[in-house]
């Protein structure tokens, strides 16, 4: 009972729905692998599964920290491993479902991250710099690591620079693969580009109908826009709107565009892992899982 099934893919590809159907079919529980769904109060903009969906299958690692609390991949990894093992002890199949590439890799490859405490003074200085400038700084400190990191992800860039500066060594050299923890099957959802674009547009429209503007306003009044979760897609675009610098339609179009760009970056990340079995429908996923569960480790 050391099996782990990963359901991954770009944003809006249908991971949540597929994960629930497969977990129901194969006596499983879901471990969310989404770096934003861990936050409480951020429901609509992170496309969290709703009450109905959560009622169908047990879900874990959703709504576990406040938006202004420190959270990173190392914390996630520790919690996810503990949760996966608890599910396995219950003689059930854990389904790791999400699209955060680094979080998935942390579990699949048992990545050992450098134990470097936050350097708050340095972080404060780096926060003032744009993602583009941060990437250039990081590229000089760690050319190899710069080829893998998300260029637009300020939070990850700041952490990588922090580790380089504090230790005096490139971050990529300190991130090592450990001994595999589980027998893993990775299933990726592949969709035609046009279909993914339509799904993203439909999802964003639905978010606005569900009250995204109200959710963001409430969070902005409570936390401001400087905390990392508020700088993510679906939230950051509202800054100009609340300053009366752009219309709500402009915000909507920006979220659609940024989400599509993000989906492309996710696919670039996933394509590097040749172990992922790509599928286009549920039947293919069921066949792969049946074969995987009937085989020995």
C-alpha atoms as a PDB file:
ATOM      1  CA  UNK A   1       0.000   0.000   0.000  1.00  0.00           C
ATOM      2  CA  UNK A   2       2.712   2.468  -0.977  1.00  0.00           C
ATOM      3  CA  UNK A   3       0.923   3.601  -4.136  1.00  0.00           C
ATOM      4  CA  UNK A   4       0.321   7.247  -4.988  1.00  0.00           C
ATOM      5  CA  UNK A   5      -1.586   8.523  -8.020  1.00  0.00           C
ATOM      6  CA  UNK A   6      -0.905  12.047  -9.289  1.00  0.00           C
ATOM      7  CA  UNK A   7      -3.478  13.874 -11.435  1.00  0.00           C
ATOM      8  CA  UNK A   8      -1.901  16.963 -12.967  1.00  0.00           C
ATOM      9  CA  UNK A   9      -2.365  19.395 -15.811  1.00  0.00           C
ATOM     10  CA  UNK A  10      -2.689  23.102 -16.579  1.00  0.00           C
ATOM     11  CA  UNK A  11      -5.197  25.336 -14.846  1.00  0.00           C
ATOM     12  CA  UNK A  12      -8.854  24.836 -15.917  1.00  0.00           C
ATOM     13  CA  UNK A  13      -8.080  21.463 -17.565  1.00  0.00           C
ATOM     14  CA  UNK A  14     -10.572  19.574 -15.367  1.00  0.00           C
ATOM     15  CA  UNK A  15      -8.246  18.085 -12.723  1.00  0.00           C
ATOM     16  CA  UNK A  16     -10.689  18.602  -9.852  1.00  0.00           C
ATOM     17  CA  UNK A  17     -13.593  16.831 -11.595  1.00  0.00           C
ATOM     18  CA  UNK A  18     -11.419  13.975 -12.879  1.00  0.00           C
ATOM     19  CA  UNK A  19      -9.691  13.566  -9.505  1.00  0.00           C
ATOM     20  CA  UNK A  20     -13.048  13.247  -7.710  1.00  0.00           C
ATOM     21  CA  UNK A  21     -14.426  10.715 -10.218  1.00  0.00           C
ATOM     22  CA  UNK A  22     -11.276   8.578 -10.067  1.00  0.00           C
ATOM     23  CA  UNK A  23     -11.007   8.755  -6.265  1.00  0.00           C
ATOM     24  CA  UNK A  24     -14.632   7.591  -5.991  1.00  0.00           C
ATOM     25  CA  UNK A  25     -14.002   4.781  -8.480  1.00  0.00           C
ATOM     26  CA  UNK A  26     -10.810   3.514  -6.799  1.00  0.00           C
ATOM     27  CA  UNK A  27     -11.535   4.044  -3.083  1.00  0.00           C
ATOM     28  CA  UNK A  28      -9.336   7.097  -2.779  1.00  0.00           C
ATOM     29  CA  UNK A  29      -8.905  10.401  -0.981  1.00  0.00           C
ATOM     30  CA  UNK A  30      -7.672  13.637  -2.506  1.00  0.00           C
ATOM     31  CA  UNK A  31      -4.583  15.556  -1.430  1.00  0.00           C
ATOM     32  CA  UNK A  32      -4.683  18.996  -3.022  1.00  0.00           C
ATOM     33  CA  UNK A  33      -1.458  20.085  -4.704  1.00  0.00           C
ATOM     34  CA  UNK A  34      -2.247  23.742  -5.298  1.00  0.00           C
ATOM     35  CA  UNK A  35      -0.068  26.486  -3.823  1.00  0.00           C
ATOM     36  CA  UNK A  36      -3.032  28.881  -3.526  1.00  0.00           C
ATOM     37  CA  UNK A  37      -5.846  26.634  -2.344  1.00  0.00           C
ATOM     38  CA  UNK A  38      -3.975  26.197   0.941  1.00  0.00           C
ATOM     39  CA  UNK A  39      -5.126  29.706   1.902  1.00  0.00           C
ATOM     40  CA  UNK A  40      -8.332  30.374   3.808  1.00  0.00           C
ATOM     41  CA  UNK A  41     -10.695  33.132   2.561  1.00  0.00           C
ATOM     42  CA  UNK A  42      -9.380  32.779  -1.017  1.00  0.00           C
ATOM     43  CA  UNK A  43     -12.064  30.591  -2.541  1.00  0.00           C
ATOM     44  CA  UNK A  44     -13.388  31.969  -5.830  1.00  0.00           C
ATOM     45  CA  UNK A  45     -10.122  33.285  -7.278  1.00  0.00           C
ATOM     46  CA  UNK A  46      -8.311  29.994  -6.574  1.00  0.00           C
ATOM     47  CA  UNK A  47     -11.157  27.852  -8.025  1.00  0.00           C
ATOM     48  CA  UNK A  48     -11.420  25.699  -4.905  1.00  0.00           C
ATOM     49  CA  UNK A  49     -13.688  22.663  -5.093  1.00  0.00           C
ATOM     50  CA  UNK A  50     -17.122  23.533  -3.691  1.00  0.00           C
ATOM     51  CA  UNK A  51     -18.983  22.027  -0.743  1.00  0.00           C
ATOM     52  CA  UNK A  52     -20.788  19.512  -3.022  1.00  0.00           C
ATOM     53  CA  UNK A  53     -17.509  18.270  -4.495  1.00  0.00           C
ATOM     54  CA  UNK A  54     -15.779  17.971  -1.121  1.00  0.00           C
ATOM     55  CA  UNK A  55     -18.751  15.995   0.211  1.00  0.00           C
ATOM     56  CA  UNK A  56     -18.225  13.312  -2.457  1.00  0.00           C
ATOM     57  CA  UNK A  57     -14.612  12.461  -1.529  1.00  0.00           C
ATOM     58  CA  UNK A  58     -12.406  13.487   1.443  1.00  0.00           C
ATOM     59  CA  UNK A  59     -10.110  16.401   0.492  1.00  0.00           C
ATOM     60  CA  UNK A  60      -6.910  17.406   2.302  1.00  0.00           C
ATOM     61  CA  UNK A  61      -4.569  20.448   2.383  1.00  0.00           C
ATOM     62  CA  UNK A  62      -7.220  23.014   1.394  1.00  0.00           C
ATOM     63  CA  UNK A  63      -7.873  26.015   3.712  1.00  0.00           C
ATOM     64  CA  UNK A  64      -4.997  25.286   6.095  1.00  0.00           C
ATOM     65  CA  UNK A  65      -3.295  28.711   6.534  1.00  0.00           C
ATOM     66  CA  UNK A  66      -4.278  32.377   6.647  1.00  0.00           C
ATOM     67  CA  UNK A  67      -3.252  34.509   3.629  1.00  0.00           C
ATOM     68  CA  UNK A  68      -0.690  36.452   5.687  1.00  0.00           C
ATOM     69  CA  UNK A  69       0.986  33.322   7.102  1.00  0.00           C
ATOM     70  CA  UNK A  70       4.337  32.028   5.853  1.00  0.00           C
ATOM     71  CA  UNK A  71       3.888  29.049   3.537  1.00  0.00           C
ATOM     72  CA  UNK A  72       6.269  27.432   1.061  1.00  0.00           C
ATOM     73  CA  UNK A  73       7.080  24.214  -0.772  1.00  0.00           C
ATOM     74  CA  UNK A  74       9.090  22.761   2.140  1.00  0.00           C
ATOM     75  CA  UNK A  75       6.119  23.202   4.518  1.00  0.00           C
ATOM     76  CA  UNK A  76       3.791  21.748   1.884  1.00  0.00           C
ATOM     77  CA  UNK A  77       6.016  18.719   1.314  1.00  0.00           C
ATOM     78  CA  UNK A  78       6.088  17.836   5.018  1.00  0.00           C
ATOM     79  CA  UNK A  79       2.287  18.115   5.347  1.00  0.00           C
ATOM     80  CA  UNK A  80       1.597  16.237   2.098  1.00  0.00           C
ATOM     81  CA  UNK A  81       3.840  13.264   2.965  1.00  0.00           C
ATOM     82  CA  UNK A  82       2.208  12.961   6.391  1.00  0.00           C
ATOM     83  CA  UNK A  83      -1.291  13.116   4.817  1.00  0.00           C
ATOM     84  CA  UNK A  84      -0.455  10.588   2.069  1.00  0.00           C
ATOM     85  CA  UNK A  85       0.866   8.100   4.621  1.00  0.00           C
ATOM     86  CA  UNK A  86      -2.241   8.500   6.786  1.00  0.00           C
ATOM     87  CA  UNK A  87      -4.474   7.750   3.778  1.00  0.00           C
ATOM     88  CA  UNK A  88      -2.376   4.678   2.937  1.00  0.00           C
ATOM     89  CA  UNK A  89      -2.709   3.457   6.548  1.00  0.00           C
ATOM     90  CA  UNK A  90      -6.486   3.597   6.080  1.00  0.00           C
ATOM     91  CA  UNK A  91      -6.011   1.176   3.132  1.00  0.00           C
ATOM     92  CA  UNK A  92      -7.152   3.853   0.704  1.00  0.00           C
ATOM     93  CA  UNK A  93      -5.477   5.279  -2.403  1.00  0.00           C
ATOM     94  CA  UNK A  94      -4.106   8.834  -2.151  1.00  0.00           C
ATOM     95  CA  UNK A  95      -4.709  11.001  -5.225  1.00  0.00           C
ATOM     96  CA  UNK A  96      -2.380  14.015  -5.403  1.00  0.00           C
ATOM     97  CA  UNK A  97      -4.370  16.468  -7.532  1.00  0.00           C
ATOM     98  CA  UNK A  98      -3.162  19.867  -8.735  1.00  0.00           C
ATOM     99  CA  UNK A  99      -1.115  21.969 -11.080  1.00  0.00           C
ATOM    100  CA  UNK A 100       1.684  23.433  -8.945  1.00  0.00           C
ATOM    101  CA  UNK A 101       4.680  21.857 -10.662  1.00  0.00           C
ATOM    102  CA  UNK A 102       7.250  22.475  -7.928  1.00  0.00           C
ATOM    103  CA  UNK A 103       4.953  21.066  -5.219  1.00  0.00           C
ATOM    104  CA  UNK A 104       4.324  17.935  -7.308  1.00  0.00           C
ATOM    105  CA  UNK A 105       8.040  17.501  -7.988  1.00  0.00           C
ATOM    106  CA  UNK A 106       8.795  17.909  -4.274  1.00  0.00           C
ATOM    107  CA  UNK A 107       6.726  14.768  -3.557  1.00  0.00           C
ATOM    108  CA  UNK A 108       7.458  12.725  -6.689  1.00  0.00           C
ATOM    109  CA  UNK A 109      11.241  13.220  -6.521  1.00  0.00           C
ATOM    110  CA  UNK A 110      11.465  13.694  -2.726  1.00  0.00           C
ATOM    111  CA  UNK A 111      13.289  16.989  -3.253  1.00  0.00           C
ATOM    112  CA  UNK A 112      15.560  18.000  -0.379  1.00  0.00           C
ATOM    113  CA  UNK A 113      15.362  21.768   0.051  1.00  0.00           C
ATOM    114  CA  UNK A 114      18.049  23.867   1.753  1.00  0.00           C
ATOM    115  CA  UNK A 115      17.126  24.718   5.347  1.00  0.00           C
ATOM    116  CA  UNK A 116      17.660  28.461   5.260  1.00  0.00           C
ATOM    117  CA  UNK A 117      15.699  30.674   7.646  1.00  0.00           C
ATOM    118  CA  UNK A 118      13.911  33.723   6.167  1.00  0.00           C
ATOM    119  CA  UNK A 119      16.124  36.811   5.947  1.00  0.00           C
ATOM    120  CA  UNK A 120      13.455  39.467   6.552  1.00  0.00           C
ATOM    121  CA  UNK A 121      15.612  42.526   5.827  1.00  0.00           C
ATOM    122  CA  UNK A 122      16.739  41.100   2.473  1.00  0.00           C
ATOM    123  CA  UNK A 123      13.183  40.040   1.600  1.00  0.00           C
ATOM    124  CA  UNK A 124      11.888  43.546   2.298  1.00  0.00           C
ATOM    125  CA  UNK A 125      14.451  45.009  -0.126  1.00  0.00           C
ATOM    126  CA  UNK A 126      13.711  42.402  -2.817  1.00  0.00           C
ATOM    127  CA  UNK A 127       9.932  42.915  -2.506  1.00  0.00           C
ATOM    128  CA  UNK A 128      10.366  46.439  -3.954  1.00  0.00           C
ATOM    129  CA  UNK A 129      11.923  45.053  -7.153  1.00  0.00           C
ATOM    130  CA  UNK A 130       9.932  43.869 -10.177  1.00  0.00           C
ATOM    131  CA  UNK A 131       9.838  40.177 -11.170  1.00  0.00           C
ATOM    132  CA  UNK A 132      11.824  40.993 -14.331  1.00  0.00           C
ATOM    133  CA  UNK A 133      14.665  42.597 -12.325  1.00  0.00           C
ATOM    134  CA  UNK A 134      14.582  39.791  -9.730  1.00  0.00           C
ATOM    135  CA  UNK A 135      15.005  37.236 -12.492  1.00  0.00           C
ATOM    136  CA  UNK A 136      18.078  39.074 -13.814  1.00  0.00           C
ATOM    137  CA  UNK A 137      19.593  39.123 -10.302  1.00  0.00           C
ATOM    138  CA  UNK A 138      18.903  35.412  -9.874  1.00  0.00           C
ATOM    139  CA  UNK A 139      20.322  34.555 -13.306  1.00  0.00           C
ATOM    140  CA  UNK A 140      23.678  36.022 -12.266  1.00  0.00           C
ATOM    141  CA  UNK A 141      23.669  34.107  -8.972  1.00  0.00           C
ATOM    142  CA  UNK A 142      22.443  30.777 -10.373  1.00  0.00           C
ATOM    143  CA  UNK A 143      22.442  30.440 -14.209  1.00  0.00           C
ATOM    144  CA  UNK A 144      21.369  26.768 -14.074  1.00  0.00           C
ATOM    145  CA  UNK A 145      18.504  27.438 -11.673  1.00  0.00           C
ATOM    146  CA  UNK A 146      17.329  30.376 -13.804  1.00  0.00           C
ATOM    147  CA  UNK A 147      16.524  27.940 -16.637  1.00  0.00           C
ATOM    148  CA  UNK A 148      13.991  26.136 -14.428  1.00  0.00           C
ATOM    149  CA  UNK A 149      12.376  28.824 -12.262  1.00  0.00           C
ATOM    150  CA  UNK A 150       9.108  30.613 -13.133  1.00  0.00           C
ATOM    151  CA  UNK A 151      10.276  34.042 -14.321  1.00  0.00           C
ATOM    152  CA  UNK A 152       7.069  35.783 -13.205  1.00  0.00           C
ATOM    153  CA  UNK A 153       6.871  34.196  -9.757  1.00  0.00           C
ATOM    154  CA  UNK A 154       8.217  36.914  -7.428  1.00  0.00           C
ATOM    155  CA  UNK A 155       7.863  34.775  -4.336  1.00  0.00           C
ATOM    156  CA  UNK A 156       9.984  31.911  -5.708  1.00  0.00           C
ATOM    157  CA  UNK A 157      12.538  34.308  -7.163  1.00  0.00           C
ATOM    158  CA  UNK A 158      12.928  36.077  -3.797  1.00  0.00           C
ATOM    159  CA  UNK A 159      13.364  32.760  -1.993  1.00  0.00           C
ATOM    160  CA  UNK A 160      15.925  31.524  -4.531  1.00  0.00           C
ATOM    161  CA  UNK A 161      17.933  34.772  -4.294  1.00  0.00           C
ATOM    162  CA  UNK A 162      17.692  34.644  -0.494  1.00  0.00           C
ATOM    163  CA  UNK A 163      19.132  31.095  -0.386  1.00  0.00           C
ATOM    164  CA  UNK A 164      21.960  32.063  -2.790  1.00  0.00           C
ATOM    165  CA  UNK A 165      22.911  35.165  -0.796  1.00  0.00           C
ATOM    166  CA  UNK A 166      22.660  33.578   2.674  1.00  0.00           C
ATOM    167  CA  UNK A 167      24.581  30.383   1.788  1.00  0.00           C
ATOM    168  CA  UNK A 168      26.893  31.786  -0.884  1.00  0.00           C
ATOM    169  CA  UNK A 169      26.002  28.831  -3.146  1.00  0.00           C
ATOM    170  CA  UNK A 170      23.625  28.519  -6.150  1.00  0.00           C
ATOM    171  CA  UNK A 171      20.110  27.507  -5.077  1.00  0.00           C
ATOM    172  CA  UNK A 172      19.880  24.776  -7.766  1.00  0.00           C
ATOM    173  CA  UNK A 173      22.957  23.001  -6.346  1.00  0.00           C
ATOM    174  CA  UNK A 174      21.307  22.771  -2.927  1.00  0.00           C
ATOM    175  CA  UNK A 175      18.037  21.317  -4.238  1.00  0.00           C
ATOM    176  CA  UNK A 176      18.628  17.580  -4.491  1.00  0.00           C
ATOM    177  CA  UNK A 177      16.501  14.532  -5.254  1.00  0.00           C
ATOM    178  CA  UNK A 178      16.108  12.053  -2.408  1.00  0.00           C
ATOM    179  CA  UNK A 179      15.218   8.369  -2.295  1.00  0.00           C
ATOM    180  CA  UNK A 180      11.687   7.780  -3.743  1.00  0.00           C
ATOM    181  CA  UNK A 181       9.046   7.708  -1.016  1.00  0.00           C
ATOM    182  CA  UNK A 182       6.169   6.144  -2.960  1.00  0.00           C
ATOM    183  CA  UNK A 183       5.326   3.968  -5.952  1.00  0.00           C
ATOM    184  CA  UNK A 184       3.916   6.679  -8.229  1.00  0.00           C
ATOM    185  CA  UNK A 185       1.743   6.927 -11.323  1.00  0.00           C
ATOM    186  CA  UNK A 186       1.561  10.416 -12.838  1.00  0.00           C
ATOM    187  CA  UNK A 187      -1.408  11.131 -15.120  1.00  0.00           C
ATOM    188  CA  UNK A 188      -1.512  14.386 -17.063  1.00  0.00           C
ATOM    189  CA  UNK A 189      -4.577  15.919 -18.717  1.00  0.00           C
ATOM    190  CA  UNK A 190      -3.849  17.080 -22.242  1.00  0.00           C
ATOM    191  CA  UNK A 191      -6.322  19.408 -23.968  1.00  0.00           C
ATOM    192  CA  UNK A 192      -6.221  21.101 -27.389  1.00  0.00           C
ATOM    193  CA  UNK A 193      -5.112  24.748 -27.013  1.00  0.00           C
ATOM    194  CA  UNK A 194      -8.439  26.123 -28.284  1.00  0.00           C
ATOM    195  CA  UNK A 195     -10.425  24.044 -25.820  1.00  0.00           C
ATOM    196  CA  UNK A 196      -8.211  25.072 -22.900  1.00  0.00           C
ATOM    197  CA  UNK A 197      -8.613  28.752 -23.887  1.00  0.00           C
ATOM    198  CA  UNK A 198     -12.416  28.372 -23.947  1.00  0.00           C
ATOM    199  CA  UNK A 199     -12.386  26.625 -20.569  1.00  0.00           C
ATOM    200  CA  UNK A 200     -10.275  29.403 -19.036  1.00  0.00           C
ATOM    201  CA  UNK A 201     -12.572  32.124 -20.394  1.00  0.00           C
ATOM    202  CA  UNK A 202     -15.658  30.280 -19.153  1.00  0.00           C
ATOM    203  CA  UNK A 203     -14.110  29.766 -15.714  1.00  0.00           C
ATOM    204  CA  UNK A 204     -13.175  33.445 -15.329  1.00  0.00           C
ATOM    205  CA  UNK A 205     -16.712  34.529 -16.310  1.00  0.00           C
ATOM    206  CA  UNK A 206     -18.094  32.103 -13.711  1.00  0.00           C
ATOM    207  CA  UNK A 207     -15.734  33.497 -11.046  1.00  0.00           C
ATOM    208  CA  UNK A 208     -17.059  37.017 -11.613  1.00  0.00           C
ATOM    209  CA  UNK A 209     -20.666  35.801 -11.435  1.00  0.00           C
ATOM    210  CA  UNK A 210     -19.884  34.045  -8.150  1.00  0.00           C
ATOM    211  CA  UNK A 211     -18.579  37.297  -6.639  1.00  0.00           C
ATOM    212  CA  UNK A 212     -14.828  37.475  -7.279  1.00  0.00           C
ATOM    213  CA  UNK A 213     -14.786  41.277  -7.027  1.00  0.00           C
ATOM    214  CA  UNK A 214     -16.403  41.144  -3.575  1.00  0.00           C
ATOM    215  CA  UNK A 215     -13.933  38.440  -2.418  1.00  0.00           C
ATOM    216  CA  UNK A 216     -10.891  40.440  -3.569  1.00  0.00           C
ATOM    217  CA  UNK A 217     -12.200  43.693  -2.041  1.00  0.00           C
ATOM    218  CA  UNK A 218     -12.689  41.996   1.333  1.00  0.00           C
ATOM    219  CA  UNK A 219      -9.159  40.509   1.222  1.00  0.00           C
ATOM    220  CA  UNK A 220      -7.636  43.818   0.069  1.00  0.00           C
ATOM    221  CA  UNK A 221      -9.269  45.702   2.966  1.00  0.00           C
ATOM    222  CA  UNK A 222      -7.991  43.100   5.438  1.00  0.00           C
ATOM    223  CA  UNK A 223      -4.486  42.325   4.101  1.00  0.00           C
ATOM    224  CA  UNK A 224      -3.603  44.797   1.323  1.00  0.00           C
ATOM    225  CA  UNK A 225      -1.885  43.685  -1.893  1.00  0.00           C
ATOM    226  CA  UNK A 226       1.657  43.189  -0.574  1.00  0.00           C
ATOM    227  CA  UNK A 227       1.295  39.647   0.778  1.00  0.00           C
ATOM    228  CA  UNK A 228       2.348  36.903  -1.714  1.00  0.00           C
ATOM    229  CA  UNK A 229      -1.117  35.286  -2.241  1.00  0.00           C
ATOM    230  CA  UNK A 230      -2.596  38.670  -3.219  1.00  0.00           C
ATOM    231  CA  UNK A 231       0.030  39.010  -5.941  1.00  0.00           C
ATOM    232  CA  UNK A 232      -1.260  35.909  -7.727  1.00  0.00           C
ATOM    233  CA  UNK A 233      -3.506  35.731 -10.813  1.00  0.00           C
ATOM    234  CA  UNK A 234      -7.138  36.593 -10.139  1.00  0.00           C
ATOM    235  CA  UNK A 235      -6.203  39.012  -7.348  1.00  0.00           C
ATOM    236  CA  UNK A 236      -3.297  41.208  -8.475  1.00  0.00           C
ATOM    237  CA  UNK A 237      -5.250  42.460 -11.511  1.00  0.00           C
ATOM    238  CA  UNK A 238      -7.697  44.292  -9.209  1.00  0.00           C
ATOM    239  CA  UNK A 239      -5.074  46.731  -7.869  1.00  0.00           C
ATOM    240  CA  UNK A 240      -5.611  49.253 -10.653  1.00  0.00           C
ATOM    241  CA  UNK A 241      -9.378  48.791 -10.467  1.00  0.00           C
ATOM    242  CA  UNK A 242      -9.542  49.735  -6.783  1.00  0.00           C
ATOM    243  CA  UNK A 243      -7.396  52.792  -7.573  1.00  0.00           C
ATOM    244  CA  UNK A 244      -9.959  53.663 -10.291  1.00  0.00           C
ATOM    245  CA  UNK A 245      -7.270  53.303 -12.973  1.00  0.00           C
ATOM    246  CA  UNK A 246      -9.058  50.625 -15.027  1.00  0.00           C
ATOM    247  CA  UNK A 247     -12.509  49.166 -15.650  1.00  0.00           C
ATOM    248  CA  UNK A 248     -13.854  45.851 -14.369  1.00  0.00           C
ATOM    249  CA  UNK A 249     -13.920  44.567 -17.977  1.00  0.00           C
ATOM    250  CA  UNK A 250     -10.216  45.331 -18.271  1.00  0.00           C
ATOM    251  CA  UNK A 251      -9.600  43.359 -15.051  1.00  0.00           C
ATOM    252  CA  UNK A 252     -11.552  40.409 -16.465  1.00  0.00           C
ATOM    253  CA  UNK A 253      -9.625  40.413 -19.744  1.00  0.00           C
ATOM    254  CA  UNK A 254      -6.288  40.616 -17.898  1.00  0.00           C
ATOM    255  CA  UNK A 255      -7.193  37.642 -15.698  1.00  0.00           C
ATOM    256  CA  UNK A 256      -8.110  35.595 -18.794  1.00  0.00           C
ATOM    257  CA  UNK A 257      -4.842  36.516 -20.526  1.00  0.00           C
ATOM    258  CA  UNK A 258      -2.642  35.935 -17.465  1.00  0.00           C
ATOM    259  CA  UNK A 259      -4.339  32.592 -16.750  1.00  0.00           C
ATOM    260  CA  UNK A 260      -3.739  31.433 -20.321  1.00  0.00           C
ATOM    261  CA  UNK A 261      -0.076  32.488 -20.110  1.00  0.00           C
ATOM    262  CA  UNK A 262       0.224  30.645 -16.794  1.00  0.00           C
ATOM    263  CA  UNK A 263      -1.311  27.475 -18.314  1.00  0.00           C
ATOM    264  CA  UNK A 264       1.364  27.568 -21.044  1.00  0.00           C
ATOM    265  CA  UNK A 265       4.126  27.861 -18.434  1.00  0.00           C
ATOM    266  CA  UNK A 266       2.637  24.921 -16.526  1.00  0.00           C
ATOM    267  CA  UNK A 267       2.708  22.745 -19.662  1.00  0.00           C
ATOM    268  CA  UNK A 268       6.339  23.735 -20.338  1.00  0.00           C
ATOM    269  CA  UNK A 269       7.203  22.586 -16.793  1.00  0.00           C
ATOM    270  CA  UNK A 270       5.274  19.287 -17.039  1.00  0.00           C
ATOM    271  CA  UNK A 271       6.626  18.386 -20.477  1.00  0.00           C
ATOM    272  CA  UNK A 272      10.110  18.029 -18.973  1.00  0.00           C
ATOM    273  CA  UNK A 273       8.947  15.002 -16.968  1.00  0.00           C
ATOM    274  CA  UNK A 274       8.857  12.027 -19.341  1.00  0.00           C
ATOM    275  CA  UNK A 275       7.266   9.781 -16.675  1.00  0.00           C
ATOM    276  CA  UNK A 276       3.912  11.555 -17.011  1.00  0.00           C
ATOM    277  CA  UNK A 277       1.268   9.521 -18.874  1.00  0.00           C
ATOM    278  CA  UNK A 278      -0.815  11.953 -20.896  1.00  0.00           C
ATOM    279  CA  UNK A 279      -4.521  11.279 -21.361  1.00  0.00           C
ATOM    280  CA  UNK A 280      -7.424  12.899 -23.186  1.00  0.00           C
ATOM    281  CA  UNK A 281     -10.341  11.175 -21.418  1.00  0.00           C
ATOM    282  CA  UNK A 282     -11.414   9.409 -18.205  1.00  0.00           C
ATOM    283  CA  UNK A 283     -11.353   5.901 -19.754  1.00  0.00           C
ATOM    284  CA  UNK A 284      -7.630   6.183 -20.492  1.00  0.00           C
ATOM    285  CA  UNK A 285      -7.002   7.271 -16.883  1.00  0.00           C
ATOM    286  CA  UNK A 286      -9.041   4.339 -15.502  1.00  0.00           C
ATOM    287  CA  UNK A 287      -7.102   1.849 -17.627  1.00  0.00           C
ATOM    288  CA  UNK A 288      -3.747   3.239 -16.462  1.00  0.00           C
ATOM    289  CA  UNK A 289      -4.839   3.144 -12.811  1.00  0.00           C
ATOM    290  CA  UNK A 290      -6.141  -0.449 -13.046  1.00  0.00           C
ATOM    291  CA  UNK A 291      -2.810  -1.582 -14.506  1.00  0.00           C
ATOM    292  CA  UNK A 292      -0.862   0.384 -11.903  1.00  0.00           C
ATOM    293  CA  UNK A 293      -2.835  -0.917  -8.918  1.00  0.00           C
ATOM    294  CA  UNK A 294      -2.605  -4.543 -10.065  1.00  0.00           C
ATOM    295  CA  UNK A 295       1.170  -4.365 -10.543  1.00  0.00           C
ATOM    296  CA  UNK A 296       3.745  -4.923  -7.804  1.00  0.00           C
ATOM    297  CA  UNK A 297       6.052  -2.130  -6.679  1.00  0.00           C
END
